[in-house]
C-alpha atoms as a PDB file:
ATOM      1  CA  MET A   1      21.577  32.338 -44.095  1.00  0.00           C
ATOM      2  CA  LYS A   2      20.786  35.877 -42.552  1.00  0.00           C
ATOM      3  CA  LEU A   3      18.431  34.687 -38.901  1.00  0.00           C
ATOM      4  CA  ILE A   4      17.230  31.741 -37.264  1.00  0.00           C
ATOM      5  CA  ILE A   5      13.534  31.005 -36.156  1.00  0.00           C
ATOM      6  CA  THR A   6      11.963  28.678 -33.721  1.00  0.00           C
ATOM      7  CA  HIS A   7       9.406  27.815 -31.697  1.00  0.00           C
ATOM      8  CA  PRO A   8       8.893  30.183 -28.224  1.00  0.00           C
ATOM      9  CA  GLY A   9       8.382  28.455 -25.109  1.00  0.00           C
ATOM     10  CA  GLY A  10       9.839  24.570 -23.931  1.00  0.00           C
ATOM     11  CA  SER A  11      12.198  23.440 -25.991  1.00  0.00           C
ATOM     12  CA  HIS A  12      13.575  19.762 -27.408  1.00  0.00           C
ATOM     13  CA  LYS A  13      16.347  18.310 -28.715  1.00  0.00           C
ATOM     14  CA  ASP A  14      15.440  18.162 -32.686  1.00  0.00           C
ATOM     15  CA  ASP A  15      14.344  21.626 -32.711  1.00  0.00           C
ATOM     16  CA  LEU A  16      17.780  22.151 -30.023  1.00  0.00           C
ATOM     17  CA  LEU A  17      19.959  20.129 -33.086  1.00  0.00           C
ATOM     18  CA  ALA A  18      18.393  21.694 -36.010  1.00  0.00           C
ATOM     19  CA  VAL A  19      19.089  25.184 -35.225  1.00  0.00           C
ATOM     20  CA  CYS A  20      22.955  24.006 -33.679  1.00  0.00           C
ATOM     21  CA  VAL A  21      23.738  22.565 -37.174  1.00  0.00           C
ATOM     22  CA  LEU A  22      22.993  25.725 -39.277  1.00  0.00           C
ATOM     23  CA  ALA A  23      24.177  28.143 -36.432  1.00  0.00           C
ATOM     24  CA  SER A  24      27.764  25.594 -36.997  1.00  0.00           C
ATOM     25  CA  MET A  25      27.316  26.456 -40.836  1.00  0.00           C
ATOM     26  CA  HIS A  26      25.839  30.129 -41.286  1.00  0.00           C
ATOM     27  CA  GLY A  27      27.132  31.800 -37.906  1.00  0.00           C
ATOM     28  CA  CYS A  28      23.376  34.174 -37.701  1.00  0.00           C
ATOM     29  CA  ALA A  29      21.115  34.962 -35.103  1.00  0.00           C
ATOM     30  CA  VAL A  30      18.725  33.244 -34.078  1.00  0.00           C
ATOM     31  CA  GLU A  31      15.434  34.351 -33.254  1.00  0.00           C
ATOM     32  CA  ARG A  32      12.457  32.070 -30.685  1.00  0.00           C
ATOM     33  CA  ARG A  33       9.212  33.314 -31.929  1.00  0.00           C
ATOM     34  CA  GLU A  34       6.378  33.307 -34.769  1.00  0.00           C
ATOM     35  CA  PRO A  35       7.352  33.513 -37.819  1.00  0.00           C
ATOM     36  CA  THR A  36       5.652  35.944 -40.261  1.00  0.00           C
ATOM     37  CA  PRO A  37       4.597  34.648 -43.951  1.00  0.00           C
ATOM     38  CA  ALA A  38       7.490  36.847 -45.286  1.00  0.00           C
ATOM     39  CA  GLU A  39       9.896  35.297 -43.013  1.00  0.00           C
ATOM     40  CA  LEU A  40       8.007  31.486 -44.305  1.00  0.00           C
ATOM     41  CA  ASP A  41       9.201  32.900 -48.463  1.00  0.00           C
ATOM     42  CA  ASP A  42      12.838  34.099 -47.543  1.00  0.00           C
ATOM     43  CA  PRO A  43      15.216  31.193 -48.530  1.00  0.00           C
ATOM     44  CA  GLU A  44      17.140  32.940 -46.419  1.00  0.00           C
ATOM     45  CA  ILE A  45      15.667  33.134 -42.720  1.00  0.00           C
ATOM     46  CA  ALA A  46      15.857  29.065 -41.506  1.00  0.00           C
ATOM     47  CA  ILE A  47      12.157  28.399 -39.614  1.00  0.00           C
ATOM     48  CA  ILE A  48      12.912  25.350 -37.579  1.00  0.00           C
ATOM     49  CA  ASP A  49      10.470  23.475 -35.904  1.00  0.00           C
ATOM     50  CA  ILE A  50       7.654  26.443 -36.188  1.00  0.00           C
ATOM     51  CA  GLY A  51       5.378  27.152 -38.965  1.00  0.00           C
ATOM     52  CA  GLY A  52       3.257  24.650 -40.726  1.00  0.00           C
ATOM     53  CA  VAL A  53       5.827  23.970 -43.755  1.00  0.00           C
ATOM     54  CA  HIS A  54       8.091  21.743 -44.953  1.00  0.00           C
ATOM     55  CA  ASP A  55      10.007  23.684 -48.088  1.00  0.00           C
ATOM     56  CA  ALA A  56      13.919  22.329 -48.216  1.00  0.00           C
ATOM     57  CA  ALA A  57      13.783  25.272 -50.656  1.00  0.00           C
ATOM     58  CA  LYS A  58      12.668  27.772 -48.671  1.00  0.00           C
ATOM     59  CA  ALA A  59      14.666  26.051 -45.580  1.00  0.00           C
ATOM     60  CA  ASP A  60      10.825  25.838 -43.789  1.00  0.00           C
ATOM     61  CA  PHE A  61      11.249  22.142 -41.828  1.00  0.00           C
ATOM     62  CA  ASP A  62       8.016  21.807 -39.426  1.00  0.00           C
ATOM     63  CA  HIS A  63       7.029  18.331 -39.211  1.00  0.00           C
ATOM     64  CA  HIS A  64       3.702  19.014 -36.668  1.00  0.00           C
ATOM     65  CA  HIS A  65       1.103  19.074 -40.001  1.00  0.00           C
ATOM     66  CA  PHE A  66       2.596  15.385 -40.898  1.00  0.00           C
ATOM     67  CA  PRO A  67      -0.571  12.864 -40.987  1.00  0.00           C
ATOM     68  CA  ARG A  68      -0.846  10.890 -38.009  1.00  0.00           C
ATOM     69  CA  GLU A  69       0.953   7.826 -39.474  1.00  0.00           C
ATOM     70  CA  HIS A  70       3.295   9.355 -40.921  1.00  0.00           C
ATOM     71  CA  PRO A  71       6.747   7.873 -40.257  1.00  0.00           C
ATOM     72  CA  PRO A  72       8.185   9.444 -36.584  1.00  0.00           C
ATOM     73  CA  THR A  73      10.382  12.354 -37.847  1.00  0.00           C
ATOM     74  CA  CYS A  74      11.874  15.807 -36.286  1.00  0.00           C
ATOM     75  CA  ALA A  75      13.013  19.268 -37.160  1.00  0.00           C
ATOM     76  CA  LEU A  76      16.699  18.045 -37.165  1.00  0.00           C
ATOM     77  CA  SER A  77      15.360  14.627 -39.394  1.00  0.00           C
ATOM     78  CA  LEU A  78      13.940  17.149 -41.868  1.00  0.00           C
ATOM     79  CA  VAL A  79      17.503  19.794 -41.510  1.00  0.00           C
ATOM     80  CA  LEU A  80      19.786  16.426 -42.003  1.00  0.00           C
ATOM     81  CA  SER A  81      17.899  15.903 -45.141  1.00  0.00           C
ATOM     82  CA  SER A  82      18.298  18.729 -46.996  1.00  0.00           C
ATOM     83  CA  LEU A  83      22.014  18.541 -46.300  1.00  0.00           C
ATOM     84  CA  GLY A  84      21.834  15.331 -47.903  1.00  0.00           C
ATOM     85  CA  LEU A  85      23.571  13.740 -44.333  1.00  0.00           C
ATOM     86  CA  TYR A  86      19.802  11.893 -42.806  1.00  0.00           C
ATOM     87  CA  GLU A  87      20.489   8.661 -43.765  1.00  0.00           C
ATOM     88  CA  ASP A  88      24.846   8.342 -42.691  1.00  0.00           C
ATOM     89  CA  ALA A  89      23.168   9.690 -39.307  1.00  0.00           C
ATOM     90  CA  LYS A  90      20.399   7.022 -39.213  1.00  0.00           C
ATOM     91  CA  LYS A  91      23.025   4.440 -39.480  1.00  0.00           C
ATOM     92  CA  PHE A  92      25.678   6.443 -37.578  1.00  0.00           C
ATOM     93  CA  CYS A  93      23.468   8.125 -34.769  1.00  0.00           C
ATOM     94  CA  ASP A  94      21.941   5.247 -32.763  1.00  0.00           C
ATOM     95  CA  TRP A  95      20.033   8.137 -30.785  1.00  0.00           C
ATOM     96  CA  LEU A  96      18.432   9.912 -33.868  1.00  0.00           C
ATOM     97  CA  GLU A  97      15.376   7.884 -34.219  1.00  0.00           C
ATOM     98  CA  THR A  98      14.649   7.788 -30.489  1.00  0.00           C
ATOM     99  CA  ALA A  99      15.305  11.849 -31.036  1.00  0.00           C
ATOM    100  CA  GLU A 100      12.300  11.086 -33.636  1.00  0.00           C
ATOM    101  CA  TRP A 101       9.710   9.080 -31.722  1.00  0.00           C
ATOM    102  CA  PHE A 102      10.213  10.825 -28.415  1.00  0.00           C
ATOM    103  CA  ASP A 103       9.373  14.535 -30.697  1.00  0.00           C
ATOM    104  CA  SER A 104       6.722  13.149 -32.704  1.00  0.00           C
ATOM    105  CA  ARG A 105       4.769  10.402 -30.692  1.00  0.00           C
ATOM    106  CA  GLY A 106       5.649  11.149 -27.162  1.00  0.00           C
ATOM    107  CA  PRO A 107       7.481  10.192 -23.851  1.00  0.00           C
ATOM    108  CA  LYS A 108       4.772   6.602 -23.653  1.00  0.00           C
ATOM    109  CA  ARG A 109       5.343   5.415 -26.315  1.00  0.00           C
ATOM    110  CA  THR A 110       8.502   5.825 -27.504  1.00  0.00           C
ATOM    111  CA  ALA A 111       9.473   3.836 -24.095  1.00  0.00           C
ATOM    112  CA  GLU A 112       7.167   1.345 -25.664  1.00  0.00           C
ATOM    113  CA  TRP A 113       8.727   0.836 -28.843  1.00  0.00           C
ATOM    114  CA  LEU A 114      12.136   1.010 -27.005  1.00  0.00           C
ATOM    115  CA  GLY A 115      10.126  -1.418 -25.226  1.00  0.00           C
ATOM    116  CA  VAL A 116      11.877  -0.422 -21.309  1.00  0.00           C
ATOM    117  CA  PRO A 117       9.278   1.605 -19.044  1.00  0.00           C
ATOM    118  CA  ARG A 118       7.863   4.831 -18.895  1.00  0.00           C
ATOM    119  CA  LYS A 119      10.209   5.926 -16.350  1.00  0.00           C
ATOM    120  CA  ALA A 120      13.788   5.186 -18.029  1.00  0.00           C
ATOM    121  CA  ILE A 121      13.192   8.148 -20.101  1.00  0.00           C
ATOM    122  CA  SER A 122      13.515  10.437 -17.765  1.00  0.00           C
ATOM    123  CA  GLN A 123      16.061   8.133 -16.116  1.00  0.00           C
ATOM    124  CA  LEU A 124      18.256   9.069 -19.351  1.00  0.00           C
ATOM    125  CA  ASN A 125      18.360  13.269 -18.601  1.00  0.00           C
ATOM    126  CA  SER A 126      21.560  14.425 -17.941  1.00  0.00           C
ATOM    127  CA  PRO A 127      22.017  17.748 -15.868  1.00  0.00           C
ATOM    128  CA  ILE A 128      23.598  18.638 -19.495  1.00  0.00           C
ATOM    129  CA  ASP A 129      19.945  18.109 -21.413  1.00  0.00           C
ATOM    130  CA  MET A 130      18.491  20.697 -19.028  1.00  0.00           C
ATOM    131  CA  THR A 131      20.768  22.703 -18.697  1.00  0.00           C
ATOM    132  CA  LEU A 132      21.171  23.216 -22.663  1.00  0.00           C
ATOM    133  CA  LEU A 133      18.046  23.230 -23.166  1.00  0.00           C
ATOM    134  CA  ARG A 134      16.256  25.453 -20.414  1.00  0.00           C
ATOM    135  CA  ARG A 135      18.705  28.309 -20.908  1.00  0.00           C
ATOM    136  CA  PHE A 136      17.959  28.360 -24.813  1.00  0.00           C
ATOM    137  CA  ALA A 137      13.966  27.886 -24.416  1.00  0.00           C
ATOM    138  CA  ALA A 138      14.351  31.278 -21.379  1.00  0.00           C
ATOM    139  CA  LYS A 139      16.165  33.196 -24.380  1.00  0.00           C
ATOM    140  CA  LYS A 140      14.302  35.186 -27.392  1.00  0.00           C
ATOM    141  CA  ARG A 141      17.257  36.096 -29.505  1.00  0.00           C
ATOM    142  CA  ILE A 142      20.876  34.274 -29.310  1.00  0.00           C
ATOM    143  CA  GLU A 143      23.334  36.740 -31.120  1.00  0.00           C
ATOM    144  CA  PRO A 144      26.797  34.976 -32.282  1.00  0.00           C
ATOM    145  CA  THR A 145      28.926  36.535 -29.869  1.00  0.00           C
ATOM    146  CA  ASP A 146      26.871  35.007 -26.169  1.00  0.00           C
ATOM    147  CA  PRO A 147      28.394  31.237 -24.934  1.00  0.00           C
ATOM    148  CA  LEU A 148      25.692  29.619 -25.595  1.00  0.00           C
ATOM    149  CA  TYR A 149      25.435  30.346 -29.130  1.00  0.00           C
ATOM    150  CA  VAL A 150      29.178  29.420 -28.951  1.00  0.00           C
ATOM    151  CA  TYR A 151      28.440  25.890 -26.950  1.00  0.00           C
ATOM    152  CA  MET A 152      25.704  25.673 -29.851  1.00  0.00           C
ATOM    153  CA  GLN A 153      27.758  26.036 -32.731  1.00  0.00           C
ATOM    154  CA  MET A 154      30.175  23.597 -30.882  1.00  0.00           C
ATOM    155  CA  VAL A 155      27.533  21.120 -30.513  1.00  0.00           C
ATOM    156  CA  GLY A 156      26.166  21.393 -34.554  1.00  0.00           C
ATOM    157  CA  GLU A 157      29.567  21.530 -35.985  1.00  0.00           C
ATOM    158  CA  ASP A 158      30.645  18.618 -33.944  1.00  0.00           C
ATOM    159  CA  LEU A 159      28.180  16.207 -35.027  1.00  0.00           C
ATOM    160  CA  LEU A 160      28.825  17.671 -38.976  1.00  0.00           C
ATOM    161  CA  VAL A 161      32.237  16.526 -38.720  1.00  0.00           C
ATOM    162  CA  TYR A 162      31.177  13.305 -36.756  1.00  0.00           C
ATOM    163  CA  LEU A 163      28.574  12.382 -39.551  1.00  0.00           C
ATOM    164  CA  ARG A 164      31.585  13.758 -42.302  1.00  0.00           C
ATOM    165  CA  GLU A 165      34.087  11.251 -40.784  1.00  0.00           C
ATOM    166  CA  ALA A 166      31.648   8.109 -40.143  1.00  0.00           C
ATOM    167  CA  ARG A 167      31.246   8.026 -44.419  1.00  0.00           C
ATOM    168  CA  GLU A 168      35.066   8.059 -44.593  1.00  0.00           C
ATOM    169  CA  ARG A 169      35.843   5.371 -42.915  1.00  0.00           C
ATOM    170  CA  LEU A 170      32.761   3.517 -43.854  1.00  0.00           C
ATOM    171  CA  ASP A 171      33.592   3.931 -47.207  1.00  0.00           C
ATOM    172  CA  PHE A 172      36.830   2.522 -46.054  1.00  0.00           C
ATOM    173  CA  THR A 173      36.401  -0.621 -44.353  1.00  0.00           C
ATOM    174  CA  ALA A 174      33.852  -1.334 -46.847  1.00  0.00           C
ATOM    175  CA  LYS A 175      36.842  -0.924 -49.044  1.00  0.00           C
ATOM    176  CA  HIS A 176      39.089  -2.842 -47.576  1.00  0.00           C
ATOM    177  CA  VAL A 177      37.612  -5.233 -45.630  1.00  0.00           C
ATOM    178  CA  GLU A 178      37.079  -9.282 -46.045  1.00  0.00           C
ATOM    179  CA  ARG A 179      34.913 -11.572 -44.659  1.00  0.00           C
ATOM    180  CA  TRP A 180      35.509 -14.628 -43.331  1.00  0.00           C
ATOM    181  CA  THR A 181      34.336 -17.875 -43.048  1.00  0.00           C
ATOM    182  CA  ILE A 182      36.082 -20.563 -40.591  1.00  0.00           C
ATOM    183  CA  GLY A 183      33.120 -23.006 -40.260  1.00  0.00           C
ATOM    184  CA  GLU A 184      30.124 -21.858 -38.483  1.00  0.00           C
ATOM    185  CA  ILE A 185      32.203 -18.406 -37.672  1.00  0.00           C
ATOM    186  CA  GLU A 186      31.971 -15.366 -39.247  1.00  0.00           C
ATOM    187  CA  ALA A 187      33.894 -12.951 -39.067  1.00  0.00           C
ATOM    188  CA  LEU A 188      35.454  -9.997 -40.653  1.00  0.00           C
ATOM    189  CA  TYR A 189      39.512  -8.876 -41.208  1.00  0.00           C
ATOM    190  CA  MET A 190      40.435  -5.429 -41.699  1.00  0.00           C
ATOM    191  CA  PRO A 191      44.318  -5.697 -43.216  1.00  0.00           C
ATOM    192  CA  ARG A 192      47.413  -3.707 -42.117  1.00  0.00           C
ATOM    193  CA  LEU A 193      47.506  -0.465 -44.446  1.00  0.00           C
ATOM    194  CA  THR A 194      48.996   2.782 -44.853  1.00  0.00           C
ATOM    195  CA  GLY A 195      47.182   5.653 -44.228  1.00  0.00           C
ATOM    196  CA  GLU A 196      43.550   3.812 -42.456  1.00  0.00           C
ATOM    197  CA  PRO A 197      42.263   5.684 -39.527  1.00  0.00           C
ATOM    198  CA  ASP A 198      42.604   5.371 -36.295  1.00  0.00           C
ATOM    199  CA  GLU A 199      40.629   2.839 -33.427  1.00  0.00           C
ATOM    200  CA  PRO A 200      40.406  -0.154 -36.765  1.00  0.00           C
ATOM    201  CA  SER A 201      38.304  -1.908 -34.469  1.00  0.00           C
ATOM    202  CA  SER A 202      35.606   0.868 -33.994  1.00  0.00           C
ATOM    203  CA  MET A 203      35.390   1.403 -37.616  1.00  0.00           C
ATOM    204  CA  LEU A 204      34.664  -2.826 -37.966  1.00  0.00           C
ATOM    205  CA  GLY A 205      31.940  -2.828 -35.506  1.00  0.00           C
ATOM    206  CA  SER A 206      30.253   0.616 -37.480  1.00  0.00           C
ATOM    207  CA  TYR A 207      30.570  -1.587 -40.136  1.00  0.00           C
ATOM    208  CA  VAL A 208      28.529  -4.549 -38.852  1.00  0.00           C
ATOM    209  CA  ARG A 209      25.470  -2.182 -37.680  1.00  0.00           C
ATOM    210  CA  ALA A 210      26.042  -0.062 -41.324  1.00  0.00           C
ATOM    211  CA  GLU A 211      25.653  -3.436 -42.976  1.00  0.00           C
ATOM    212  CA  LYS A 212      23.379  -5.055 -40.649  1.00  0.00           C
ATOM    213  CA  LEU A 213      25.789  -8.025 -39.899  1.00  0.00           C
ATOM    214  CA  ASP A 214      24.619  -7.642 -36.227  1.00  0.00           C
ATOM    215  CA  THR A 215      23.070 -11.048 -36.061  1.00  0.00           C
ATOM    216  CA  VAL A 216      25.911 -12.627 -39.039  1.00  0.00           C
ATOM    217  CA  ILE A 217      29.584 -11.614 -37.311  1.00  0.00           C
ATOM    218  CA  ALA A 218      30.525 -13.379 -34.629  1.00  0.00           C
ATOM    219  CA  ALA A 219      34.066 -12.281 -34.214  1.00  0.00           C
ATOM    220  CA  ILE A 220      36.059  -9.467 -35.436  1.00  0.00           C
ATOM    221  CA  VAL A 221      40.146  -9.586 -36.674  1.00  0.00           C
ATOM    222  CA  TYR A 222      42.028  -5.583 -36.933  1.00  0.00           C
ATOM    223  CA  PRO A 223      45.197  -4.325 -37.218  1.00  0.00           C
ATOM    224  CA  ASP A 224      46.664  -3.835 -33.199  1.00  0.00           C
ATOM    225  CA  ARG A 225      47.773   0.135 -32.634  1.00  0.00           C
ATOM    226  CA  ARG A 226      50.242  -0.286 -30.283  1.00  0.00           C
ATOM    227  CA  GLY A 227      52.380  -3.453 -32.650  1.00  0.00           C
ATOM    228  CA  GLY A 228      53.230  -5.058 -36.056  1.00  0.00           C
ATOM    229  CA  GLY A 229      50.279  -8.309 -34.622  1.00  0.00           C
ATOM    230  CA  TYR A 230      46.917  -8.457 -34.548  1.00  0.00           C
ATOM    231  CA  GLY A 231      43.636  -8.162 -31.841  1.00  0.00           C
ATOM    232  CA  ILE A 232      40.725 -10.014 -32.294  1.00  0.00           C
ATOM    233  CA  GLY A 233      37.394  -9.552 -30.662  1.00  0.00           C
ATOM    234  CA  ARG A 234      34.064 -11.003 -30.362  1.00  0.00           C
ATOM    235  CA  TYR A 235      31.779  -9.116 -31.943  1.00  0.00           C
ATOM    236  CA  GLU A 236      28.766  -8.012 -29.363  1.00  0.00           C
ATOM    237  CA  ASP A 237      30.348 -10.348 -26.452  1.00  0.00           C
ATOM    238  CA  HIS A 238      29.409 -13.191 -29.142  1.00  0.00           C
ATOM    239  CA  PRO A 239      27.969 -16.484 -26.410  1.00  0.00           C
ATOM    240  CA  ARG A 240      30.336 -18.469 -28.611  1.00  0.00           C
ATOM    241  CA  LEU A 241      33.776 -17.051 -28.268  1.00  0.00           C
ATOM    242  CA  ASP A 242      36.251 -16.736 -25.359  1.00  0.00           C
ATOM    243  CA  PHE A 243      39.471 -15.290 -26.433  1.00  0.00           C
ATOM    244  CA  ALA A 244      41.016 -16.072 -22.939  1.00  0.00           C
ATOM    245  CA  ARG A 245      41.471 -19.839 -23.705  1.00  0.00           C
ATOM    246  CA  VAL A 246      44.144 -18.796 -26.294  1.00  0.00           C
ATOM    247  CA  GLU A 247      45.876 -16.903 -23.938  1.00  0.00           C
ATOM    248  CA  GLN A 248      48.858 -19.858 -23.128  1.00  0.00           C
ATOM    249  CA  GLU A 249      49.776 -19.715 -27.222  1.00  0.00           C
ATOM    250  CA  PRO A 250      53.288 -18.496 -27.861  1.00  0.00           C
ATOM    251  CA  ASP A 251      51.813 -15.765 -30.030  1.00  0.00           C
ATOM    252  CA  VAL A 252      49.411 -14.487 -27.384  1.00  0.00           C
ATOM    253  CA  HIS A 253      51.111 -12.097 -25.491  1.00  0.00           C
ATOM    254  CA  PHE A 254      47.592 -10.496 -24.104  1.00  0.00           C
ATOM    255  CA  ALA A 255      44.092 -12.160 -23.584  1.00  0.00           C
ATOM    256  CA  HIS A 256      41.323 -10.608 -21.181  1.00  0.00           C
ATOM    257  CA  LYS A 257      40.310 -12.546 -18.709  1.00  0.00           C
ATOM    258  CA  SER A 258      36.692 -11.914 -19.751  1.00  0.00           C
ATOM    259  CA  GLY A 259      37.506 -13.086 -22.919  1.00  0.00           C
ATOM    260  CA  PHE A 260      36.167 -11.277 -25.127  1.00  0.00           C
ATOM    261  CA  MET A 261      39.577  -9.875 -27.322  1.00  0.00           C
ATOM    262  CA  CYS A 262      42.857 -10.784 -27.908  1.00  0.00           C
ATOM    263  CA  LYS A 263      46.393  -9.494 -29.181  1.00  0.00           C
ATOM    264  CA  THR A 264      48.660 -11.436 -30.950  1.00  0.00           C
ATOM    265  CA  THR A 265      51.984 -10.974 -33.244  1.00  0.00           C
ATOM    266  CA  ALA A 266      50.745 -13.081 -35.388  1.00  0.00           C
ATOM    267  CA  THR A 267      50.194 -12.096 -38.713  1.00  0.00           C
ATOM    268  CA  GLU A 268      49.128 -14.726 -41.299  1.00  0.00           C
ATOM    269  CA  PRO A 269      45.366 -14.804 -42.169  1.00  0.00           C
ATOM    270  CA  ALA A 270      45.439 -18.762 -41.709  1.00  0.00           C
ATOM    271  CA  ARG A 271      46.923 -18.157 -38.100  1.00  0.00           C
ATOM    272  CA  LEU A 272      44.903 -15.445 -37.125  1.00  0.00           C
ATOM    273  CA  LYS A 273      41.680 -18.399 -38.400  1.00  0.00           C
ATOM    274  CA  GLU A 274      42.558 -20.719 -36.562  1.00  0.00           C
ATOM    275  CA  LEU A 275      43.566 -19.045 -32.619  1.00  0.00           C
ATOM    276  CA  ILE A 276      39.620 -17.236 -33.713  1.00  0.00           C
ATOM    277  CA  THR A 277      39.068 -21.811 -33.606  1.00  0.00           C
ATOM    278  CA  MET A 278      40.712 -22.032 -31.039  1.00  0.00           C
ATOM    279  CA  ALA A 279      38.283 -19.293 -28.891  1.00  0.00           C
ATOM    280  CA  TRP A 280      35.031 -21.088 -30.734  1.00  0.00           C
ATOM    281  CA  ARG A 281      33.448 -23.467 -28.052  1.00  0.00           C
END
């Protein structure tokens, strides 16, 4: 890309984030104005959230001409889709769907969709959001040497890195995870492996959400990063698991008083399953 163009005036998260992603990839200047017909036809000029055209081949990413019944979509959705990252973003970025709703349906309908009061939408704003959006909206042209541009590049880079690493971690988890059925309990177990990524507990949580197992899995079992044993936790605070019940077991060296997890020196699957059964109530 040799230039990124987006609309003048007020800015929303979707158009700003779309620009951040492209800025991190291409390092070209950003202008906030109406595009010309020639610019809309130029595949080396990205047109974001303006122009009335969606044509990824020409780098045109506007959604405002979509019909009313079109699924909630925003400029960031279109950019991520062109990069082959949209489906992963929907899996790993819980905030994306809300951004799509907010931009295409407005705050009132977004609040209704979320099942929260309208006021909650503004209560979730932060000075970080408002400052970045306001400073971006105030500019007519942003050069790569501008501190704002540098920050935008970091935002876009972090998002792309996060999506790449999340996909790698999900593929790794899917390849190695075991699903246990222990009576009426469903659990996921990640064996200790050479070269495994950090934070195996969060990897299992991401896997549960990505595979839509939220209402099925009660417990997760993962290698303890501080020892040779395992951590056992309840997924999303499952109400029938209380690992404080096993704190007196000789191979349990830590059990959180709230009961949401424990650490054990046990490594044999049979014993790990037994501890889960003992915590069930």
